[in-house]
PDB file of N, CA and C in Angstrom:
ATOM      1  N   MET A   1       0.807  -1.205   0.000  1.00  0.00           N
ATOM      2  CA  MET A   1       0.000   0.000   0.000  1.00  0.00           C
ATOM      3  C   MET A   1       0.850   1.269   0.000  1.00  0.00           C
ATOM      4  N   GLN A   2       2.077   1.151   0.499  1.00  0.00           N
ATOM      5  CA  GLN A   2       2.927   2.337   0.497  1.00  0.00           C
ATOM      6  C   GLN A   2       3.369   2.696  -0.926  1.00  0.00           C
ATOM      7  N   ILE A   3       3.471   1.692  -1.794  1.00  0.00           N
ATOM      8  CA  ILE A   3       3.822   1.979  -3.196  1.00  0.00           C
ATOM      9  C   ILE A   3       2.726   2.819  -3.841  1.00  0.00           C
ATOM     10  N   LEU A   4       1.477   2.472  -3.558  1.00  0.00           N
ATOM     11  CA  LEU A   4       0.358   3.232  -4.100  1.00  0.00           C
ATOM     12  C   LEU A   4       0.350   4.655  -3.557  1.00  0.00           C
ATOM     13  N   ARG A   5       0.689   4.797  -2.292  1.00  0.00           N
ATOM     14  CA  ARG A   5       0.751   6.135  -1.687  1.00  0.00           C
ATOM     15  C   ARG A   5       1.859   6.967  -2.322  1.00  0.00           C
ATOM     16  N   VAL A   6       3.000   6.334  -2.615  1.00  0.00           N
ATOM     17  CA  VAL A   6       4.104   7.046  -3.266  1.00  0.00           C
ATOM     18  C   VAL A   6       3.712   7.460  -4.683  1.00  0.00           C
ATOM     19  N   LEU A   7       3.024   6.578  -5.405  1.00  0.00           N
ATOM     20  CA  LEU A   7       2.583   6.916  -6.757  1.00  0.00           C
ATOM     21  C   LEU A   7       1.565   8.046  -6.756  1.00  0.00           C
ATOM     22  N   ILE A   8       0.614   8.001  -5.831  1.00  0.00           N
ATOM     23  CA  ILE A   8      -0.372   9.083  -5.741  1.00  0.00           C
ATOM     24  C   ILE A   8       0.314  10.387  -5.355  1.00  0.00           C
ATOM     25  N   ALA A   9       1.242  10.311  -4.416  1.00  0.00           N
ATOM     26  CA  ALA A   9       1.930  11.526  -3.973  1.00  0.00           C
ATOM     27  C   ALA A   9       2.770  12.141  -5.088  1.00  0.00           C
ATOM     28  N   SER A  10       3.458  11.303  -5.859  1.00  0.00           N
ATOM     29  CA  SER A  10       4.346  11.864  -6.879  1.00  0.00           C
ATOM     30  C   SER A  10       3.588  12.287  -8.131  1.00  0.00           C
ATOM     31  N   PHE A  11       2.828  11.376  -8.728  1.00  0.00           N
ATOM     32  CA  PHE A  11       2.139  11.714  -9.980  1.00  0.00           C
ATOM     33  C   PHE A  11       0.912  12.599  -9.747  1.00  0.00           C
ATOM     34  N   GLY A  12       0.165  12.308  -8.695  1.00  0.00           N
ATOM     35  CA  GLY A  12      -0.975  13.170  -8.369  1.00  0.00           C
ATOM     36  C   GLY A  12      -0.528  14.555  -7.950  1.00  0.00           C
ATOM     37  N   GLY A  13       0.572  14.610  -7.209  1.00  0.00           N
ATOM     38  CA  GLY A  13       1.122  15.908  -6.819  1.00  0.00           C
ATOM     39  C   GLY A  13       1.630  16.699  -7.995  1.00  0.00           C
ATOM     40  N   TYR A  14       2.237  15.996  -8.962  1.00  0.00           N
ATOM     41  CA  TYR A  14       2.700  16.682 -10.164  1.00  0.00           C
ATOM     42  C   TYR A  14       1.533  17.226 -10.974  1.00  0.00           C
ATOM     43  N   LEU A  15       0.486  16.419 -11.111  1.00  0.00           N
ATOM     44  CA  LEU A  15      -0.700  16.879 -11.838  1.00  0.00           C
ATOM     45  C   LEU A  15      -1.335  18.064 -11.124  1.00  0.00           C
ATOM     46  N   PHE A  16      -1.436  17.976  -9.803  1.00  0.00           N
ATOM     47  CA  PHE A  16      -1.994  19.079  -9.021  1.00  0.00           C
ATOM     48  C   PHE A  16      -1.149  20.341  -9.173  1.00  0.00           C
ATOM     49  N   ALA A  17       0.163  20.200  -9.109  1.00  0.00           N
ATOM     50  CA  ALA A  17       1.039  21.364  -9.215  1.00  0.00           C
ATOM     51  C   ALA A  17       0.985  21.987 -10.601  1.00  0.00           C
ATOM     52  N   SER A  18       0.908  21.167 -11.643  1.00  0.00           N
ATOM     53  CA  SER A  18       0.853  21.737 -12.993  1.00  0.00           C
ATOM     54  C   SER A  18      -0.484  22.427 -13.249  1.00  0.00           C
ATOM     55  N   LEU A  19      -1.567  21.851 -12.766  1.00  0.00           N
ATOM     56  CA  LEU A  19      -2.866  22.525 -12.901  1.00  0.00           C
ATOM     57  C   LEU A  19      -2.915  23.806 -12.076  1.00  0.00           C
ATOM     58  N   MET A  20      -2.273  23.783 -10.907  1.00  0.00           N
ATOM     59  CA  MET A  20      -2.225  24.983 -10.078  1.00  0.00           C
ATOM     60  C   MET A  20      -1.375  26.064 -10.737  1.00  0.00           C
ATOM     61  N   THR A  21      -0.331  25.675 -11.460  1.00  0.00           N
ATOM     62  CA  THR A  21       0.497  26.648 -12.185  1.00  0.00           C
ATOM     63  C   THR A  21      -0.321  27.392 -13.227  1.00  0.00           C
ATOM     64  N   VAL A  22      -1.096  26.662 -13.984  1.00  0.00           N
ATOM     65  CA  VAL A  22      -1.923  27.297 -15.015  1.00  0.00           C
ATOM     66  C   VAL A  22      -2.975  28.193 -14.378  1.00  0.00           C
ATOM     67  N   SER A  23      -3.605  27.719 -13.305  1.00  0.00           N
ATOM     68  CA  SER A  23      -4.636  28.519 -12.638  1.00  0.00           C
ATOM     69  C   SER A  23      -4.059  29.803 -12.066  1.00  0.00           C
ATOM     70  N   LEU A  24      -2.915  29.703 -11.407  1.00  0.00           N
ATOM     71  CA  LEU A  24      -2.318  30.898 -10.819  1.00  0.00           C
ATOM     72  C   LEU A  24      -1.832  31.876 -11.875  1.00  0.00           C
ATOM     73  N   SER A  25      -1.376  31.377 -13.002  1.00  0.00           N
ATOM     74  CA  SER A  25      -0.906  32.298 -14.041  1.00  0.00           C
ATOM     75  C   SER A  25      -2.057  33.132 -14.603  1.00  0.00           C
ATOM     76  N   PHE A  26      -3.280  32.612 -14.567  1.00  0.00           N
ATOM     77  CA  PHE A  26      -4.438  33.407 -14.991  1.00  0.00           C
ATOM     78  C   PHE A  26      -4.868  34.401 -13.923  1.00  0.00           C
ATOM     79  N   ILE A  27      -4.707  34.042 -12.671  1.00  0.00           N
ATOM     80  CA  ILE A  27      -5.239  34.848 -11.575  1.00  0.00           C
ATOM     81  C   ILE A  27      -4.311  35.994 -11.184  1.00  0.00           C
ATOM     82  N   LEU A  28      -3.004  35.778 -11.273  1.00  0.00           N
ATOM     83  CA  LEU A  28      -2.058  36.799 -10.813  1.00  0.00           C
ATOM     84  C   LEU A  28      -2.151  38.066 -11.662  1.00  0.00           C
ATOM     85  N   PRO A  29      -2.132  39.229 -11.001  1.00  0.00           N
ATOM     86  CA  PRO A  29      -2.401  40.490 -11.713  1.00  0.00           C
ATOM     87  C   PRO A  29      -1.167  41.213 -12.247  1.00  0.00           C
ATOM     88  N   PHE A  30      -0.209  40.503 -12.802  1.00  0.00           N
ATOM     89  CA  PHE A  30       0.960  41.165 -13.368  1.00  0.00           C
ATOM     90  C   PHE A  30       0.660  41.620 -14.788  1.00  0.00           C
ATOM     91  N   SER A  31       1.253  42.748 -15.171  1.00  0.00           N
ATOM     92  CA  SER A  31       1.041  43.235 -16.535  1.00  0.00           C
ATOM     93  C   SER A  31       1.827  42.384 -17.541  1.00  0.00           C
ATOM     94  N   ASN A  32       2.982  41.907 -17.134  1.00  0.00           N
ATOM     95  CA  ASN A  32       3.791  41.046 -17.981  1.00  0.00           C
ATOM     96  C   ASN A  32       3.409  39.590 -17.688  1.00  0.00           C
ATOM     97  N   LYS A  33       2.984  38.869 -18.702  1.00  0.00           N
ATOM     98  CA  LYS A  33       2.531  37.487 -18.516  1.00  0.00           C
ATOM     99  C   LYS A  33       3.670  36.564 -18.090  1.00  0.00           C
ATOM    100  N   ALA A  34       4.888  36.873 -18.505  1.00  0.00           N
ATOM    101  CA  ALA A  34       6.025  36.029 -18.131  1.00  0.00           C
ATOM    102  C   ALA A  34       6.277  36.061 -16.625  1.00  0.00           C
ATOM    103  N   GLU A  35       6.047  37.210 -15.998  1.00  0.00           N
ATOM    104  CA  GLU A  35       6.228  37.303 -14.551  1.00  0.00           C
ATOM    105  C   GLU A  35       5.213  36.453 -13.802  1.00  0.00           C
ATOM    106  N   SER A  36       3.981  36.468 -14.262  1.00  0.00           N
ATOM    107  CA  SER A  36       2.965  35.674 -13.575  1.00  0.00           C
ATOM    108  C   SER A  36       3.196  34.176 -13.769  1.00  0.00           C
ATOM    109  N   VAL A  37       3.679  33.775 -14.941  1.00  0.00           N
ATOM    110  CA  VAL A  37       3.980  32.365 -15.171  1.00  0.00           C
ATOM    111  C   VAL A  37       5.171  31.941 -14.325  1.00  0.00           C
ATOM    112  N   LEU A  38       6.187  32.785 -14.222  1.00  0.00           N
ATOM    113  CA  LEU A  38       7.361  32.461 -13.429  1.00  0.00           C
ATOM    114  C   LEU A  38       7.012  32.342 -11.950  1.00  0.00           C
ATOM    115  N   LEU A  39       6.247  33.276 -11.421  1.00  0.00           N
ATOM    116  CA  LEU A  39       5.865  33.226 -10.013  1.00  0.00           C
ATOM    117  C   LEU A  39       4.954  32.037  -9.732  1.00  0.00           C
ATOM    118  N   SER A  40       4.016  31.771 -10.614  1.00  0.00           N
ATOM    119  CA  SER A  40       3.120  30.640 -10.384  1.00  0.00           C
ATOM    120  C   SER A  40       3.857  29.309 -10.477  1.00  0.00           C
ATOM    121  N   THR A  41       4.896  29.235 -11.304  1.00  0.00           N
ATOM    122  CA  THR A  41       5.706  28.018 -11.365  1.00  0.00           C
ATOM    123  C   THR A  41       6.473  27.806 -10.064  1.00  0.00           C
ATOM    124  N   MET A  42       7.024  28.870  -9.519  1.00  0.00           N
ATOM    125  CA  MET A  42       7.753  28.739  -8.260  1.00  0.00           C
ATOM    126  C   MET A  42       6.818  28.380  -7.103  1.00  0.00           C
ATOM    127  N   VAL A  43       5.641  28.965  -7.090  1.00  0.00           N
ATOM    128  CA  VAL A  43       4.684  28.687  -6.017  1.00  0.00           C
ATOM    129  C   VAL A  43       4.131  27.267  -6.137  1.00  0.00           C
ATOM    130  N   SER A  44       4.059  26.748  -7.346  1.00  0.00           N
ATOM    131  CA  SER A  44       3.501  25.407  -7.528  1.00  0.00           C
ATOM    132  C   SER A  44       4.364  24.335  -6.871  1.00  0.00           C
ATOM    133  N   PHE A  45       5.670  24.574  -6.737  1.00  0.00           N
ATOM    134  CA  PHE A  45       6.511  23.610  -6.042  1.00  0.00           C
ATOM    135  C   PHE A  45       6.137  23.527  -4.559  1.00  0.00           C
ATOM    136  N   ILE A  46       5.703  24.625  -3.982  1.00  0.00           N
ATOM    137  CA  ILE A  46       5.241  24.613  -2.597  1.00  0.00           C
ATOM    138  C   ILE A  46       3.954  23.801  -2.485  1.00  0.00           C
ATOM    139  N   PHE A  47       3.050  23.950  -3.455  1.00  0.00           N
ATOM    140  CA  PHE A  47       1.830  23.159  -3.457  1.00  0.00           C
ATOM    141  C   PHE A  47       2.132  21.667  -3.642  1.00  0.00           C
ATOM    142  N   TRP A  48       3.103  21.357  -4.478  1.00  0.00           N
ATOM    143  CA  TRP A  48       3.486  19.968  -4.696  1.00  0.00           C
ATOM    144  C   TRP A  48       4.035  19.360  -3.389  1.00  0.00           C
ATOM    145  N   LEU A  49       4.887  20.108  -2.706  1.00  0.00           N
ATOM    146  CA  LEU A  49       5.421  19.641  -1.434  1.00  0.00           C
ATOM    147  C   LEU A  49       4.306  19.461  -0.413  1.00  0.00           C
ATOM    148  N   GLY A  50       3.364  20.399  -0.366  1.00  0.00           N
ATOM    149  CA  GLY A  50       2.231  20.261   0.540  1.00  0.00           C
ATOM    150  C   GLY A  50       1.388  19.043   0.227  1.00  0.00           C
ATOM    151  N   PHE A  51       1.222  18.747  -1.050  1.00  0.00           N
ATOM    152  CA  PHE A  51       0.461  17.566  -1.448  1.00  0.00           C
ATOM    153  C   PHE A  51       1.172  16.290  -1.025  1.00  0.00           C
ATOM    154  N   ILE A  52       2.479  16.261  -1.162  1.00  0.00           N
ATOM    155  CA  ILE A  52       3.248  15.083  -0.758  1.00  0.00           C
ATOM    156  C   ILE A  52       3.175  14.895   0.752  1.00  0.00           C
ATOM    157  N   ILE A  53       3.301  15.965   1.499  1.00  0.00           N
ATOM    158  CA  ILE A  53       3.192  15.871   2.956  1.00  0.00           C
ATOM    159  C   ILE A  53       1.792  15.422   3.358  1.00  0.00           C
ATOM    160  N   TYR A  54       0.779  15.942   2.690  1.00  0.00           N
ATOM    161  CA  TYR A  54      -0.592  15.535   2.982  1.00  0.00           C
ATOM    162  C   TYR A  54      -0.831  14.069   2.638  1.00  0.00           C
ATOM    163  N   SER A  55      -0.181  13.582   1.588  1.00  0.00           N
ATOM    164  CA  SER A  55      -0.345  12.186   1.184  1.00  0.00           C
ATOM    165  C   SER A  55       0.188  11.221   2.230  1.00  0.00           C
ATOM    166  N   PHE A  56       1.232  11.618   2.931  1.00  0.00           N
ATOM    167  CA  PHE A  56       1.820  10.753   3.946  1.00  0.00           C
ATOM    168  C   PHE A  56       1.403  11.123   5.362  1.00  0.00           C
ATOM    169  N   SER A  57       0.338  11.891   5.499  1.00  0.00           N
ATOM    170  CA  SER A  57      -0.092  12.322   6.827  1.00  0.00           C
ATOM    171  C   SER A  57      -0.951  11.304   7.554  1.00  0.00           C
ATOM    172  N   GLY A  58      -1.191  10.155   6.976  1.00  0.00           N
ATOM    173  CA  GLY A  58      -1.978   9.130   7.638  1.00  0.00           C
ATOM    174  C   GLY A  58      -3.399   9.026   7.135  1.00  0.00           C
ATOM    175  N   ILE A  59      -3.727   9.731   6.082  1.00  0.00           N
ATOM    176  CA  ILE A  59      -5.066   9.676   5.512  1.00  0.00           C
ATOM    177  C   ILE A  59      -5.243   8.352   4.771  1.00  0.00           C
ATOM    178  N   ASP A  60      -6.464   7.852   4.735  1.00  0.00           N
ATOM    179  CA  ASP A  60      -6.766   6.616   4.035  1.00  0.00           C
ATOM    180  C   ASP A  60      -6.495   6.786   2.541  1.00  0.00           C
ATOM    181  N   ILE A  61      -5.967   5.745   1.904  1.00  0.00           N
ATOM    182  CA  ILE A  61      -5.571   5.837   0.490  1.00  0.00           C
ATOM    183  C   ILE A  61      -6.777   6.063  -0.409  1.00  0.00           C
ATOM    184  N   LYS A  62      -7.894   5.427  -0.087  1.00  0.00           N
ATOM    185  CA  LYS A  62      -9.094   5.618  -0.901  1.00  0.00           C
ATOM    186  C   LYS A  62      -9.593   7.059  -0.809  1.00  0.00           C
ATOM    187  N   LYS A  63      -9.580   7.595   0.404  1.00  0.00           N
ATOM    188  CA  LYS A  63      -9.998   8.986   0.597  1.00  0.00           C
ATOM    189  C   LYS A  63      -9.031   9.947  -0.088  1.00  0.00           C
ATOM    190  N   LEU A  64      -7.743   9.640  -0.027  1.00  0.00           N
ATOM    191  CA  LEU A  64      -6.733  10.471  -0.675  1.00  0.00           C
ATOM    192  C   LEU A  64      -6.912  10.494  -2.185  1.00  0.00           C
ATOM    193  N   SER A  65      -7.156   9.335  -2.771  1.00  0.00           N
ATOM    194  CA  SER A  65      -7.314   9.296  -4.227  1.00  0.00           C
ATOM    195  C   SER A  65      -8.587  10.007  -4.675  1.00  0.00           C
ATOM    196  N   ILE A  66      -9.655   9.896  -3.905  1.00  0.00           N
ATOM    197  CA  ILE A  66     -10.895  10.613  -4.247  1.00  0.00           C
ATOM    198  C   ILE A  66     -10.693  12.116  -4.132  1.00  0.00           C
ATOM    199  N   GLN A  67     -10.060  12.561  -3.059  1.00  0.00           N
ATOM    200  CA  GLN A  67      -9.825  13.992  -2.879  1.00  0.00           C
ATOM    201  C   GLN A  67      -8.904  14.542  -3.962  1.00  0.00           C
ATOM    202  N   ALA A  68      -7.848  13.813  -4.295  1.00  0.00           N
ATOM    203  CA  ALA A  68      -6.917  14.279  -5.324  1.00  0.00           C
ATOM    204  C   ALA A  68      -7.604  14.357  -6.679  1.00  0.00           C
ATOM    205  N   THR A  69      -8.449  13.370  -6.973  1.00  0.00           N
ATOM    206  CA  THR A  69      -9.169  13.379  -8.248  1.00  0.00           C
ATOM    207  C   THR A  69     -10.128  14.552  -8.328  1.00  0.00           C
ATOM    208  N   LEU A  70     -10.866  14.800  -7.248  1.00  0.00           N
ATOM    209  CA  LEU A  70     -11.834  15.896  -7.261  1.00  0.00           C
ATOM    210  C   LEU A  70     -11.156  17.258  -7.364  1.00  0.00           C
ATOM    211  N   VAL A  71     -10.053  17.433  -6.654  1.00  0.00           N
ATOM    212  CA  VAL A  71      -9.348  18.717  -6.714  1.00  0.00           C
ATOM    213  C   VAL A  71      -8.760  18.943  -8.108  1.00  0.00           C
ATOM    214  N   CYS A  72      -8.187  17.900  -8.694  1.00  0.00           N
ATOM    215  CA  CYS A  72      -7.617  18.039 -10.036  1.00  0.00           C
ATOM    216  C   CYS A  72      -8.702  18.281 -11.085  1.00  0.00           C
ATOM    217  N   LEU A  73      -9.840  17.634 -10.933  1.00  0.00           N
ATOM    218  CA  LEU A  73     -10.946  17.891 -11.864  1.00  0.00           C
ATOM    219  C   LEU A  73     -11.483  19.310 -11.720  1.00  0.00           C
ATOM    220  N   LEU A  74     -11.542  19.816 -10.503  1.00  0.00           N
ATOM    221  CA  LEU A  74     -11.989  21.191 -10.289  1.00  0.00           C
ATOM    222  C   LEU A  74     -11.015  22.185 -10.909  1.00  0.00           C
ATOM    223  N   LEU A  75      -9.725  21.965 -10.704  1.00  0.00           N
ATOM    224  CA  LEU A  75      -8.735  22.854 -11.317  1.00  0.00           C
ATOM    225  C   LEU A  75      -8.753  22.761 -12.833  1.00  0.00           C
ATOM    226  N   TYR A  76      -8.974  21.562 -13.363  1.00  0.00           N
ATOM    227  CA  TYR A  76      -9.076  21.408 -14.808  1.00  0.00           C
ATOM    228  C   TYR A  76     -10.282  22.181 -15.350  1.00  0.00           C
ATOM    229  N   ALA A  77     -11.408  22.127 -14.637  1.00  0.00           N
ATOM    230  CA  ALA A  77     -12.600  22.858 -15.076  1.00  0.00           C
ATOM    231  C   ALA A  77     -12.365  24.364 -15.039  1.00  0.00           C
ATOM    232  N   ILE A  78     -11.666  24.837 -14.028  1.00  0.00           N
ATOM    233  CA  ILE A  78     -11.353  26.269 -13.946  1.00  0.00           C
ATOM    234  C   ILE A  78     -10.433  26.674 -15.092  1.00  0.00           C
ATOM    235  N   ASN A  79      -9.420  25.867 -15.365  1.00  0.00           N
ATOM    236  CA  ASN A  79      -8.497  26.168 -16.467  1.00  0.00           C
ATOM    237  C   ASN A  79      -9.201  26.102 -17.813  1.00  0.00           C
ATOM    238  N   TYR A  80     -10.093  25.155 -17.981  1.00  0.00           N
ATOM    239  CA  TYR A  80     -10.860  25.041 -19.220  1.00  0.00           C
ATOM    240  C   TYR A  80     -11.731  26.278 -19.422  1.00  0.00           C
ATOM    241  N   TYR A  81     -12.323  26.771 -18.340  1.00  0.00           N
ATOM    242  CA  TYR A  81     -13.144  27.972 -18.427  1.00  0.00           C
ATOM    243  C   TYR A  81     -12.306  29.162 -18.875  1.00  0.00           C
ATOM    244  N   PHE A  82     -11.126  29.335 -18.266  1.00  0.00           N
ATOM    245  CA  PHE A  82     -10.289  30.478 -18.624  1.00  0.00           C
ATOM    246  C   PHE A  82      -9.698  30.351 -20.025  1.00  0.00           C
ATOM    247  N   LEU A  83      -9.305  29.149 -20.420  1.00  0.00           N
ATOM    248  CA  LEU A  83      -8.647  28.988 -21.719  1.00  0.00           C
ATOM    249  C   LEU A  83      -9.620  28.981 -22.883  1.00  0.00           C
ATOM    250  N   VAL A  84     -10.680  28.215 -22.774  1.00  0.00           N
ATOM    251  CA  VAL A  84     -11.565  27.989 -23.917  1.00  0.00           C
ATOM    252  C   VAL A  84     -12.731  28.961 -23.914  1.00  0.00           C
ATOM    253  N   LEU A  85     -13.434  29.039 -22.823  1.00  0.00           N
ATOM    254  CA  LEU A  85     -14.653  29.831 -22.816  1.00  0.00           C
ATOM    255  C   LEU A  85     -14.393  31.329 -22.746  1.00  0.00           C
ATOM    256  N   LYS A  86     -13.390  31.732 -21.964  1.00  0.00           N
ATOM    257  CA  LYS A  86     -13.087  33.161 -21.885  1.00  0.00           C
ATOM    258  C   LYS A  86     -12.159  33.614 -22.987  1.00  0.00           C
ATOM    259  N   GLY A  87     -11.419  32.696 -23.552  1.00  0.00           N
ATOM    260  CA  GLY A  87     -10.572  32.997 -24.695  1.00  0.00           C
ATOM    261  C   GLY A  87      -9.347  33.704 -24.311  1.00  0.00           C
TER     262      GLY A  87
END
């Protein structure tokens, strides 16, 4: 079961961090888009570390996978709204 926890922490954390990078780059109010992408990339590593720590905090694996899936789907929906619908 620890192998599954490591896989969820690493790949799920990477997916969460990359989706968070895109979301933050839309939200940050910099005039230069490169600055907002750079800052959101740096901040996403903190989110990835937080996700890894949360994965090993003793939470049930089934609950962890459901929560990670729901959060990633929510971030994907937000990114889809900003990219496709808002243009």
